[in-house]
Amino acid sequence: MAKKKSTSKALMSIKDFKAQQQQDMIQDSDRESVSGGIHLSTKGNKFSIGDEVLPQELNMVILDYAFENADYGDALWDPENPSPPICFAVSPEEGEMAPHETSPEPQSESCEDCHYNKFKSAEVGKGKHCKNRRRLALMDADCDDPSQASVCFLKIPPTGITNWKQYHSELKKTHKIMPYGCVTRISFDEDHDNPIVKFEFIDEISDPALAMAVMEKRELNNEELYAPIDLAVREEEPKKKAGKKKVKSSPKKKAVVKKAVEHKKAPVKRKPKY
């Protein structure tokens, strides 16, 4: 009688898990300076997925993160009713960001050189016209079977990036681990009316089964984390700036935009107002 082959995978040892983090920390050192997946909403200072409202404190493993920039042109950004950006970028490295090839109207050759990605370019205040965010891939840390734990994605808006950067720095400098090496409690900062999330270190991962699930889900969800923004999603028409008339694009201008998207050599640039 033929002997059945075992299909079970050997668990990753915690020693190997920590060694992998140390290796990743070298590559991660410059990343954060002092679509079809499940997306976690923070509207109304509540965590929700679709119509399901979740607990206000979530224990998660942060599998990975990405940088996202999005410029909405003359439309005022309304987080309650988001509209697609005219230019956006997604990247694992902040210094390598450039308009995605599907951006309708690329504003520059790179985000670093873009006028709208600089402070004081916003219509009001001293901030940036382009919205800088972070995308987080999160895994449920309270699931009894880590291999079956759900994964969702959370976007950190510009107002919440400071909390994220401070926490990211704390993990590496104080705990000497990567974000995926521990359980993190994610909740809302009650001192603000706007949805600003905060992060709290709970415990370092010491369960081999959880460590194995983390490594597998990091690889499986990598593509979704860096997926382009879905430009077809539009809940309502974007709000226009007061006192500004809507100007229809001429056929000639549309042709230029199309060429810029295809070749990335002739980005459409609005005239700087500052």
Protein backbone atom coordinates (compact mmCIF):
# COMPACT_ATOMS: atom_id res chain seq x y z
CA MET A 1 0.00 0.00 0.00
CA ALA A 2 1.37 3.39 -1.04
CA LYS A 3 2.27 5.69 1.77
CA LYS A 4 0.35 8.99 1.83
CA LYS A 5 2.42 12.12 1.44
CA SER A 6 2.01 14.64 4.19
CA THR A 7 0.50 17.95 3.04
CA SER A 8 1.05 19.80 6.31
CA LYS A 9 3.65 22.53 6.42
CA ALA A 10 6.35 22.72 9.02
CA LEU A 11 5.84 25.63 11.37
CA MET A 12 8.33 28.47 11.24
CA SER A 13 10.39 28.70 14.41
CA ILE A 14 10.26 31.96 16.33
CA LYS A 15 14.04 32.16 15.92
CA ASP A 16 13.66 32.11 12.12
CA PHE A 17 10.73 34.55 12.38
CA LYS A 18 12.89 37.04 14.27
CA ALA A 19 15.79 36.52 11.88
CA GLN A 20 13.51 37.36 8.95
CA GLN A 21 12.47 40.58 10.69
CA GLN A 22 16.09 41.59 11.23
CA GLN A 23 16.75 41.06 7.53
CA ASP A 24 13.68 43.08 6.55
CA MET A 25 14.62 45.89 8.94
CA ILE A 26 17.73 46.59 6.85
CA GLN A 27 15.62 47.12 3.73
CA ASP A 28 12.93 48.94 5.72
CA SER A 29 15.25 51.49 7.33
CA ASP A 30 14.63 54.27 4.78
CA ARG A 31 10.98 53.62 4.02
CA GLU A 32 9.46 55.51 6.94
CA SER A 33 11.39 58.50 8.17
CA VAL A 34 11.19 60.11 12.04
CA SER A 35 -9.49 47.51 -5.39
CA GLY A 36 -10.58 43.83 -4.79
CA GLY A 37 -9.67 43.35 -1.09
CA ILE A 38 -11.62 44.06 2.08
CA HIS A 39 -11.22 47.72 3.02
CA LEU A 40 -11.71 48.99 6.55
CA SER A 41 -13.67 52.25 6.75
CA THR A 42 -13.18 54.89 9.45
CA LYS A 43 -16.16 57.10 8.57
CA GLY A 44 -17.83 58.71 11.56
CA ASN A 45 -15.02 57.59 13.89
CA LYS A 46 -16.18 53.99 13.56
CA PHE A 47 -14.43 50.96 12.15
CA SER A 48 -16.68 49.23 9.65
CA ILE A 49 -16.62 46.87 6.68
CA GLY A 50 -19.63 47.51 4.48
CA ASP A 51 -22.65 47.78 6.78
CA GLU A 52 -20.96 45.87 9.61
CA VAL A 53 -19.73 48.07 12.46
CA LEU A 54 -16.67 46.60 14.20
CA PRO A 55 -15.36 47.08 17.76
CA GLN A 56 -13.67 50.42 18.40
CA GLU A 57 -10.45 48.67 19.38
CA LEU A 58 -9.00 46.12 16.96
CA ASN A 59 -6.13 43.76 17.68
CA MET A 60 -4.27 43.36 14.42
CA VAL A 61 -0.97 42.28 12.93
CA ILE A 62 0.27 44.93 10.48
CA LEU A 63 1.46 42.73 7.64
CA ASP A 64 2.97 45.56 5.59
CA TYR A 65 2.42 49.14 4.49
CA ALA A 66 2.64 51.21 1.32
CA PHE A 67 2.84 54.88 0.39
CA GLU A 68 -0.04 56.46 -1.53
CA ASN A 69 -0.30 59.97 -3.00
CA ALA A 70 -3.50 61.26 -4.61
CA ASP A 71 -4.31 64.62 -6.22
CA TYR A 72 -7.94 65.48 -6.93
CA GLY A 73 -7.38 68.50 -9.16
CA ASP A 74 -10.01 71.21 -8.80
CA ALA A 75 -12.36 68.95 -6.84
CA LEU A 76 -12.44 69.47 -3.09
CA TRP A 77 -11.68 66.20 -1.32
CA ASP A 78 -14.68 64.95 0.64
CA PRO A 79 -13.77 61.86 2.73
CA GLU A 80 -17.47 61.04 3.19
CA ASN A 81 -18.03 61.00 -0.58
CA PRO A 82 -14.70 60.30 -2.27
CA SER A 83 -14.19 60.85 -5.98
CA PRO A 84 -11.37 59.43 -8.13
CA PRO A 85 -8.08 61.38 -8.27
CA ILE A 86 -6.69 62.85 -11.48
CA CYS A 87 -3.19 61.74 -10.50
CA PHE A 88 -1.99 59.15 -8.01
CA ALA A 89 1.01 57.06 -7.02
CA VAL A 90 1.49 53.88 -4.98
CA SER A 91 4.88 52.57 -3.94
CA PRO A 92 6.75 50.63 -1.23
CA GLU A 93 9.37 53.41 -1.21
CA GLU A 94 8.50 57.08 -0.69
CA GLY A 95 11.52 58.34 -2.62
CA GLU A 96 10.60 56.32 -5.72
CA MET A 97 7.03 57.57 -6.12
CA ALA A 98 5.81 58.68 -9.55
CA PRO A 99 2.37 58.99 -11.21
CA HIS A 100 0.86 55.59 -11.89
CA GLU A 101 0.47 54.70 -15.56
CA THR A 102 -3.33 54.75 -15.17
CA SER A 103 -3.44 58.30 -13.75
CA PRO A 104 -5.83 60.35 -15.96
CA GLU A 105 -3.72 63.52 -15.72
CA PRO A 106 -0.15 62.97 -14.48
CA GLN A 107 1.08 66.17 -12.84
CA SER A 108 4.82 65.59 -12.87
CA GLU A 109 7.55 63.12 -13.78
CA SER A 110 7.92 62.23 -10.10
CA CYS A 111 6.14 63.01 -6.82
CA GLU A 112 9.33 64.45 -5.37
CA ASP A 113 9.46 67.15 -8.05
CA CYS A 114 5.72 67.86 -8.19
CA HIS A 115 4.58 71.34 -7.12
CA TYR A 116 1.34 69.92 -5.70
CA ASN A 117 3.24 67.56 -3.41
CA LYS A 118 4.97 70.37 -1.56
CA PHE A 119 3.90 72.16 1.59
CA LYS A 120 1.95 75.43 1.08
CA SER A 121 0.53 74.13 -2.21
CA ALA A 122 -2.90 73.50 -0.63
CA GLU A 123 -5.73 75.92 -1.37
CA VAL A 124 -6.15 76.56 2.35
CA GLY A 125 -3.46 76.42 5.04
CA LYS A 126 0.17 75.35 4.74
CA GLY A 127 -0.38 71.73 3.78
CA LYS A 128 -0.03 69.91 0.48
CA HIS A 129 -2.54 69.96 -2.36
CA CYS A 130 -1.73 66.28 -2.97
CA LYS A 131 -2.98 63.92 -0.26
CA ASN A 132 -0.22 61.77 1.24
CA ARG A 133 -1.51 58.58 2.85
CA ARG A 134 -0.37 55.18 4.06
CA ARG A 135 -1.98 51.88 3.19
CA LEU A 136 -1.84 49.19 5.86
CA ALA A 137 -2.48 45.49 5.27
CA LEU A 138 -3.97 44.13 8.51
CA MET A 139 -4.52 40.60 9.76
CA ASP A 140 -6.96 39.73 12.56
CA ALA A 141 -4.83 38.75 15.55
CA ASP A 142 -7.73 37.37 17.62
CA CYS A 143 -8.67 34.55 15.26
CA ASP A 144 -8.47 31.11 16.94
CA ASP A 145 -6.98 29.61 13.76
CA PRO A 146 -4.33 32.05 12.42
CA SER A 147 -4.31 30.32 9.03
CA GLN A 148 -7.98 31.29 8.60
CA ALA A 149 -7.59 34.86 9.89
CA SER A 150 -9.11 37.54 7.67
CA VAL A 151 -7.05 40.30 6.06
CA CYS A 152 -8.25 43.84 5.40
CA PHE A 153 -6.74 47.12 4.24
CA LEU A 154 -6.78 50.47 6.01
CA LYS A 155 -5.85 53.87 4.60
CA ILE A 156 -4.22 56.36 6.98
CA PRO A 157 -5.12 59.96 5.92
CA PRO A 158 -2.61 62.84 6.11
CA THR A 159 -3.85 63.81 9.60
CA GLY A 160 -3.01 60.36 10.95
CA ILE A 161 0.43 59.85 9.44
CA THR A 162 2.24 61.37 12.43
CA ASN A 163 0.77 58.73 14.77
CA TRP A 164 1.79 55.98 12.34
CA LYS A 165 5.35 57.26 11.90
CA GLN A 166 5.84 57.57 15.66
CA TYR A 167 4.58 54.04 16.23
CA HIS A 168 6.68 52.66 13.37
CA SER A 169 9.74 54.29 14.92
CA GLU A 170 8.87 52.95 18.39
CA LEU A 171 8.69 49.37 17.12
CA LYS A 172 12.08 49.52 15.45
CA LYS A 173 13.98 51.54 18.04
CA THR A 174 12.43 50.31 21.29
CA HIS A 175 11.18 46.80 20.52
CA LYS A 176 13.62 46.00 17.67
CA ILE A 177 10.91 44.39 15.55
CA MET A 178 9.03 44.98 12.32
CA PRO A 179 5.32 45.94 12.39
CA TYR A 180 4.42 42.36 11.39
CA GLY A 181 6.34 40.97 14.38
CA CYS A 182 3.78 41.98 16.98
CA VAL A 183 0.11 42.44 17.78
CA THR A 184 -1.01 46.06 17.52
CA ARG A 185 -4.15 47.59 19.00
CA ILE A 186 -5.70 50.09 16.59
CA SER A 187 -8.26 52.59 17.88
CA PHE A 188 -9.40 56.19 17.43
CA ASP A 189 -7.86 59.27 19.00
CA GLU A 190 -10.78 60.61 21.05
CA ASP A 191 -9.20 64.08 21.26
CA HIS A 192 -10.13 64.73 17.61
CA ASP A 193 -13.48 64.97 15.85
CA ASN A 194 -12.02 63.72 12.59
CA PRO A 195 -11.20 59.99 12.34
CA ILE A 196 -7.55 59.79 13.41
CA VAL A 197 -6.32 56.33 14.33
CA LYS A 198 -3.70 55.54 16.93
CA PHE A 199 -1.52 52.50 17.48
CA GLU A 200 -0.54 50.64 20.64
CA PHE A 201 2.00 47.84 21.01
CA ILE A 202 0.39 44.82 22.72
CA ASP A 203 2.84 41.95 22.53
CA GLU A 204 5.54 40.41 20.37
CA ILE A 205 4.46 37.35 18.38
CA SER A 206 5.68 34.16 20.07
CA ASP A 207 3.24 31.59 18.64
CA PRO A 208 4.83 29.62 15.75
CA ALA A 209 1.42 29.05 14.10
CA LEU A 210 0.69 32.78 14.10
CA ALA A 211 4.18 33.55 12.81
CA MET A 212 3.72 31.13 9.92
CA ALA A 213 0.30 32.58 9.03
CA VAL A 214 1.75 36.10 9.07
CA MET A 215 4.51 35.23 6.62
CA GLU A 216 2.10 33.44 4.27
CA LYS A 217 -0.44 36.27 4.28
CA ARG A 218 2.26 38.89 3.75
CA GLU A 219 3.10 37.22 0.45
CA LEU A 220 -0.48 36.51 -0.60
CA ASN A 221 -1.69 40.09 -0.07
CA ASN A 222 1.31 41.90 -1.50
CA GLU A 223 -0.34 42.52 -4.89
CA GLU A 224 -3.49 43.99 -3.37
CA LEU A 225 -1.50 46.34 -1.14
CA TYR A 226 0.11 48.00 -4.17
CA ALA A 227 -2.94 47.85 -6.46
CA PRO A 228 -3.80 51.06 -8.37
CA ILE A 229 -6.72 53.19 -7.19
CA ASP A 230 -9.99 52.13 -8.79
CA LEU A 231 -10.86 55.15 -10.94
CA ALA A 232 -14.32 53.78 -11.69
CA VAL A 233 -15.43 54.29 -8.08
CA ARG A 234 -17.37 57.55 -7.76
CA GLU A 235 -20.11 57.86 -5.17
CA GLU A 236 -21.16 61.34 -6.30
CA GLU A 237 -19.84 64.24 -8.35
CA PRO A 238 -16.85 65.92 -6.67
CA LYS A 239 -17.41 69.32 -5.11
CA LYS A 240 -15.97 72.22 -7.09
CA LYS A 241 -14.13 75.18 -5.65
CA ALA A 242 -16.30 78.23 -5.12
CA GLY A 243 -16.22 80.91 -7.80
CA LYS A 244 -14.60 78.69 -10.39
CA LYS A 245 -16.39 77.80 -13.62
CA LYS A 246 -16.22 74.35 -15.07
CA VAL A 247 -14.16 74.36 -18.24
CA LYS A 248 -14.59 71.54 -20.70
CA SER A 249 -11.44 69.98 -22.04
CA SER A 250 -10.82 70.45 -25.74
CA PRO A 251 -10.15 67.40 -27.93
CA LYS A 252 -6.57 68.58 -28.28
CA LYS A 253 -6.01 68.60 -24.51
CA LYS A 254 -7.49 65.12 -24.14
CA ALA A 255 -5.07 63.81 -26.73
CA VAL A 256 -2.15 65.27 -24.76
CA VAL A 257 -3.38 63.62 -21.56
CA LYS A 258 -3.71 60.27 -23.31
CA LYS A 259 -0.18 60.54 -24.67
CA ALA A 260 1.15 61.39 -21.20
CA VAL A 261 -0.45 58.31 -19.68
CA GLU A 262 0.90 56.01 -22.38
CA HIS A 263 4.43 57.37 -22.60
CA LYS A 264 4.92 59.25 -19.30
CA LYS A 265 6.90 61.90 -21.17
CA ALA A 266 4.48 64.75 -21.42
CA PRO A 267 2.62 65.08 -18.10
CA VAL A 268 -0.24 67.56 -17.99
CA LYS A 269 0.67 70.32 -15.57
CA ARG A 270 -1.61 72.89 -14.03
CA LYS A 271 -0.10 76.34 -13.67
CA PRO A 272 1.20 76.80 -10.10
CA LYS A 273 -0.80 79.36 -8.13
CA TYR A 274 1.90 80.06 -5.57
